[in-house]
Amino acid sequence: MTVAKRILLVDDEPLIIKGLKYTLEQEGYETLSAADGEEALNVFFSNHVDIVLLDVMLPKMDGIQVCQRIRESSNVPIIMLTAKGEDMDKILGLEYGADDYMTKPFNILEVKARIKTILRRAGQPAANEEKKVVRVRDLEVNIVNRSVTLGGKEVRLTAKEFDLLQLFINNRGKVFSREAMLETVWKYDYMGDARTVDVHIRRLREKIERNTSQPEFIFTKWGVGYYFTDKD
């Protein structure tokens, strides 16, 4: 029996929560909801949650703070919702560990598509991979359980960070443009800009590189994009 995925909806606008709950429950999801940041954390840490839709502007504690608190102990996928639309708000959300963002007003069909894509990629191992565990020097990536260790120590990655790392290690030496990474990893017509990739790459480097100014794994091809190498 398939267990329904559970989505935590966090927004202080009752009509938005009502519309999202109705639509997502019609799709077979379970939903939980919260109207402010403190309530969101209480609900999140009291229940199993598969993905969070999190508004940026919230009473008591804003969405950025909520995202940061969740990221201290969980890699659950987080989609930020913002009514502002300014680039800095979007990038700030990504800096603190969000996997994606959407600007209000949003199309409910796009919301469903993004949720489906993120849950699929976060929850399903790649059955057709040649290797279940990939080792590059002392970096070990387990494709099946989506875990990473460096020097024997666990590295906690968000869903998007892992997707990027998996893309790189499966295509070592290949240079990916920002647009190619958006198309391959995000899997839909991304309505942001390519700086989103830069933010994720920087966060990934901070976690797997001992010295980000002298990388061992992820390199920049200036004017083109990024690539991963297993060569010393």
Protein backbone atom coordinates (compact mmCIF):
# COMPACT_ATOMS: atom_id res chain seq x y z
CA MET A 1 0.00 0.00 0.00
CA THR A 2 1.42 3.37 -1.02
CA VAL A 3 1.67 5.89 1.79
CA ALA A 4 0.49 9.36 0.82
CA LYS A 5 3.16 12.06 0.85
CA ARG A 6 2.61 14.72 3.47
CA ILE A 7 3.01 18.42 2.67
CA LEU A 8 3.32 21.19 5.24
CA LEU A 9 1.73 24.42 3.98
CA VAL A 10 2.87 27.58 5.75
CA ASP A 11 1.14 30.86 4.91
CA ASP A 12 -0.73 33.51 6.88
CA GLU A 13 -3.33 33.98 4.14
CA PRO A 14 -6.25 31.59 4.84
CA LEU A 15 -7.50 31.62 1.23
CA ILE A 16 -4.12 30.47 -0.07
CA ILE A 17 -3.97 27.64 2.48
CA LYS A 18 -7.55 26.64 1.68
CA GLY A 19 -6.90 26.56 -2.08
CA LEU A 20 -3.63 24.64 -1.77
CA LYS A 21 -5.12 22.11 0.67
CA TYR A 22 -8.09 21.40 -1.59
CA THR A 23 -6.02 21.01 -4.75
CA LEU A 24 -3.23 18.94 -3.21
CA GLU A 25 -5.58 16.64 -1.30
CA GLN A 26 -7.46 16.03 -4.56
CA GLU A 27 -4.10 14.84 -5.92
CA GLY A 28 -3.79 12.32 -3.09
CA TYR A 29 -1.42 14.22 -0.80
CA GLU A 30 -1.91 14.67 2.92
CA THR A 31 -1.56 18.24 4.12
CA LEU A 32 -0.71 19.98 7.35
CA SER A 33 -0.85 23.75 7.73
CA ALA A 34 0.48 26.61 9.83
CA ALA A 35 -0.25 30.33 9.80
CA ASP A 36 2.95 31.68 11.39
CA GLY A 37 6.59 30.74 11.77
CA GLU A 38 6.42 29.42 15.32
CA GLU A 39 3.44 27.22 14.53
CA ALA A 40 5.22 25.96 11.42
CA LEU A 41 8.18 24.72 13.46
CA ASN A 42 5.91 23.09 16.04
CA VAL A 43 3.97 21.26 13.34
CA PHE A 44 7.12 20.27 11.44
CA PHE A 45 8.95 18.81 14.43
CA SER A 46 5.82 17.02 15.70
CA ASN A 47 5.02 15.22 12.45
CA HIS A 48 6.63 13.39 9.57
CA VAL A 49 6.72 15.83 6.64
CA ASP A 50 7.87 15.04 3.08
CA ILE A 51 8.00 18.58 1.69
CA VAL A 52 7.37 22.14 2.93
CA LEU A 53 5.75 25.04 1.05
CA LEU A 54 6.93 28.02 3.08
CA ASP A 55 5.90 31.65 2.70
CA VAL A 56 8.66 34.21 3.26
CA MET A 57 6.55 36.85 5.02
CA LEU A 58 5.10 35.32 8.19
CA PRO A 59 4.06 36.59 11.65
CA LYS A 60 6.22 35.84 14.74
CA MET A 61 9.09 34.31 12.74
CA ASP A 62 9.69 34.84 9.03
CA GLY A 63 10.09 32.08 6.47
CA ILE A 64 13.85 32.55 6.17
CA GLN A 65 14.28 31.91 9.90
CA VAL A 66 11.96 28.89 9.71
CA CYS A 67 13.93 27.50 6.77
CA GLN A 68 17.18 27.97 8.66
CA ARG A 69 15.85 26.19 11.76
CA ILE A 70 14.58 23.25 9.71
CA ARG A 71 17.92 22.97 7.92
CA GLU A 72 19.75 22.58 11.24
CA SER A 73 18.37 19.05 11.52
CA SER A 74 16.56 18.07 8.31
CA ASN A 75 17.13 17.93 4.56
CA VAL A 76 13.41 17.82 3.73
CA PRO A 77 12.69 19.65 0.45
CA ILE A 78 11.55 23.27 0.95
CA ILE A 79 9.85 25.49 -1.63
CA MET A 80 9.78 29.16 -0.64
CA LEU A 81 6.75 31.27 -1.55
CA THR A 82 7.26 35.01 -1.90
CA ALA A 83 4.93 37.82 -2.86
CA LYS A 84 7.75 40.31 -3.22
CA GLY A 85 9.48 39.03 -6.33
CA GLU A 86 12.76 40.81 -5.65
CA ASP A 87 15.80 38.77 -6.55
CA MET A 88 17.44 39.24 -3.15
CA ASP A 89 14.52 37.64 -1.34
CA LYS A 90 14.68 34.63 -3.64
CA ILE A 91 18.44 34.24 -3.39
CA LEU A 92 18.35 34.73 0.40
CA GLY A 93 15.89 31.86 0.67
CA LEU A 94 18.22 29.66 -1.33
CA GLU A 95 21.21 30.73 0.77
CA TYR A 96 19.52 29.35 3.87
CA GLY A 97 18.78 25.99 2.32
CA ALA A 98 15.58 26.25 0.28
CA ASP A 99 15.46 23.95 -2.74
CA ASP A 100 13.26 26.19 -4.85
CA TYR A 101 11.09 29.29 -4.81
CA MET A 102 7.87 30.47 -6.42
CA THR A 103 6.57 34.04 -6.68
CA LYS A 104 2.95 34.85 -5.87
CA PRO A 105 0.55 34.83 -7.56
CA PHE A 106 1.45 31.34 -8.75
CA ASN A 107 -0.22 28.88 -11.08
CA ILE A 108 -1.51 25.87 -9.12
CA LEU A 109 -0.56 23.56 -11.99
CA GLU A 110 3.03 24.73 -11.69
CA VAL A 111 2.93 24.18 -7.94
CA LYS A 112 1.80 20.60 -8.47
CA ALA A 113 4.45 20.02 -11.13
CA ARG A 114 7.26 21.29 -8.92
CA ILE A 115 6.11 19.28 -5.91
CA LYS A 116 5.89 16.13 -8.00
CA THR A 117 9.33 16.67 -9.50
CA ILE A 118 11.06 17.40 -6.20
CA LEU A 119 9.43 14.48 -4.39
CA ARG A 120 10.27 12.09 -7.21
CA ARG A 121 13.90 13.08 -7.33
CA ALA A 122 14.28 13.19 -3.55
CA GLY A 123 12.52 9.91 -2.87
CA GLN A 124 13.44 7.55 -5.68
CA PRO A 125 16.88 6.04 -6.17
CA ALA A 126 18.21 6.01 -9.69
CA ALA A 127 17.68 2.35 -10.60
CA ASN A 128 19.58 2.57 -13.85
CA GLU A 129 22.82 3.89 -12.39
CA GLU A 130 25.84 1.72 -13.16
CA LYS A 131 27.12 2.06 -9.58
CA LYS A 132 25.21 2.37 -6.36
CA VAL A 133 28.18 3.90 -4.55
CA VAL A 134 30.60 6.26 -6.26
CA ARG A 135 33.96 7.04 -4.65
CA VAL A 136 36.20 9.90 -5.71
CA ARG A 137 39.22 9.88 -3.44
CA ASP A 138 37.72 10.23 0.05
CA LEU A 139 34.36 11.52 -1.19
CA GLU A 140 31.73 8.75 -1.20
CA VAL A 141 28.30 9.20 -2.76
CA ASN A 142 25.60 6.58 -2.23
CA ILE A 143 23.11 6.89 -5.09
CA VAL A 144 20.53 4.58 -3.52
CA ASN A 145 20.08 6.20 -0.12
CA ARG A 146 21.27 9.63 -1.32
CA SER A 147 23.94 9.96 1.34
CA VAL A 148 27.39 11.54 1.13
CA THR A 149 30.49 11.17 3.26
CA LEU A 150 33.79 13.00 3.07
CA GLY A 151 36.75 11.47 4.85
CA GLY A 152 34.32 9.09 6.57
CA LYS A 153 32.19 11.92 7.96
CA GLU A 154 28.57 12.48 6.90
CA VAL A 155 27.87 15.48 4.68
CA ARG A 156 24.28 16.72 4.86
CA LEU A 157 23.02 17.88 1.47
CA THR A 158 19.64 19.28 0.47
CA ALA A 159 17.72 17.51 -2.31
CA LYS A 160 18.89 19.95 -4.98
CA GLU A 161 22.51 19.87 -3.77
CA PHE A 162 22.52 16.09 -4.04
CA ASP A 163 20.93 16.22 -7.50
CA LEU A 164 23.68 18.58 -8.67
CA LEU A 165 26.42 16.40 -7.17
CA GLN A 166 24.92 13.30 -8.78
CA LEU A 167 24.78 15.07 -12.13
CA PHE A 168 28.44 16.00 -11.81
CA ILE A 169 29.78 12.62 -10.71
CA ASN A 170 27.85 10.83 -13.45
CA ASN A 171 29.36 13.19 -16.03
CA ARG A 172 32.88 13.76 -14.76
CA GLY A 173 34.85 16.19 -16.88
CA LYS A 174 31.78 17.50 -18.72
CA VAL A 175 31.19 21.24 -18.44
CA PHE A 176 27.58 22.20 -17.69
CA SER A 177 26.27 25.67 -18.35
CA ARG A 178 23.93 27.20 -15.78
CA GLU A 179 21.04 26.87 -18.22
CA ALA A 180 21.81 23.17 -18.78
CA MET A 181 21.84 22.54 -15.03
CA LEU A 182 18.52 24.33 -14.58
CA GLU A 183 16.97 22.22 -17.33
CA THR A 184 18.49 18.94 -16.11
CA VAL A 185 18.18 19.27 -12.33
CA TRP A 186 15.12 21.48 -11.90
CA LYS A 187 13.29 19.67 -14.71
CA TYR A 188 10.91 22.43 -15.72
CA ASP A 189 10.81 25.87 -17.25
CA TYR A 190 12.47 27.73 -14.38
CA MET A 191 11.15 31.27 -14.08
CA GLY A 192 14.15 32.60 -12.16
CA ASP A 193 17.64 33.43 -13.31
CA ALA A 194 20.87 31.48 -13.54
CA ARG A 195 22.18 32.91 -10.27
CA THR A 196 20.08 30.24 -8.57
CA VAL A 197 22.62 27.70 -9.82
CA ASP A 198 25.53 29.76 -8.50
CA VAL A 199 23.97 29.79 -5.03
CA HIS A 200 23.52 26.02 -4.99
CA ILE A 201 27.01 25.40 -6.35
CA ARG A 202 28.51 27.64 -3.69
CA ARG A 203 26.63 25.84 -0.93
CA LEU A 204 27.64 22.46 -2.33
CA ARG A 205 31.29 23.53 -2.51
CA GLU A 206 31.20 24.74 1.09
CA LYS A 207 30.11 21.26 2.14
CA ILE A 208 32.41 19.01 0.07
CA GLU A 209 35.48 21.15 -0.56
CA ARG A 210 38.04 21.54 2.22
CA ASN A 211 39.17 24.84 0.73
CA THR A 212 36.72 26.56 -1.62
CA SER A 213 39.47 28.78 -3.01
CA GLN A 214 41.39 25.64 -4.05
CA PRO A 215 38.68 23.13 -5.02
CA GLU A 216 39.32 19.41 -5.33
CA PHE A 217 36.11 18.40 -7.06
CA ILE A 218 33.96 21.17 -8.57
CA PHE A 219 35.68 23.62 -10.88
CA THR A 220 34.58 26.71 -12.79
CA LYS A 221 35.03 27.01 -16.53
CA TRP A 222 34.99 30.79 -16.78
CA GLY A 223 32.36 32.10 -19.14
CA VAL A 224 30.85 28.62 -19.60
CA GLY A 225 29.81 26.90 -16.38
CA TYR A 226 30.94 24.21 -13.93
CA TYR A 227 32.42 20.73 -14.08
CA PHE A 228 33.52 17.93 -11.75
CA THR A 229 36.82 16.12 -12.00
CA ASP A 230 38.27 13.08 -10.23
CA LYS A 231 41.80 13.89 -11.34
CA ASP A 232 44.39 15.08 -8.82
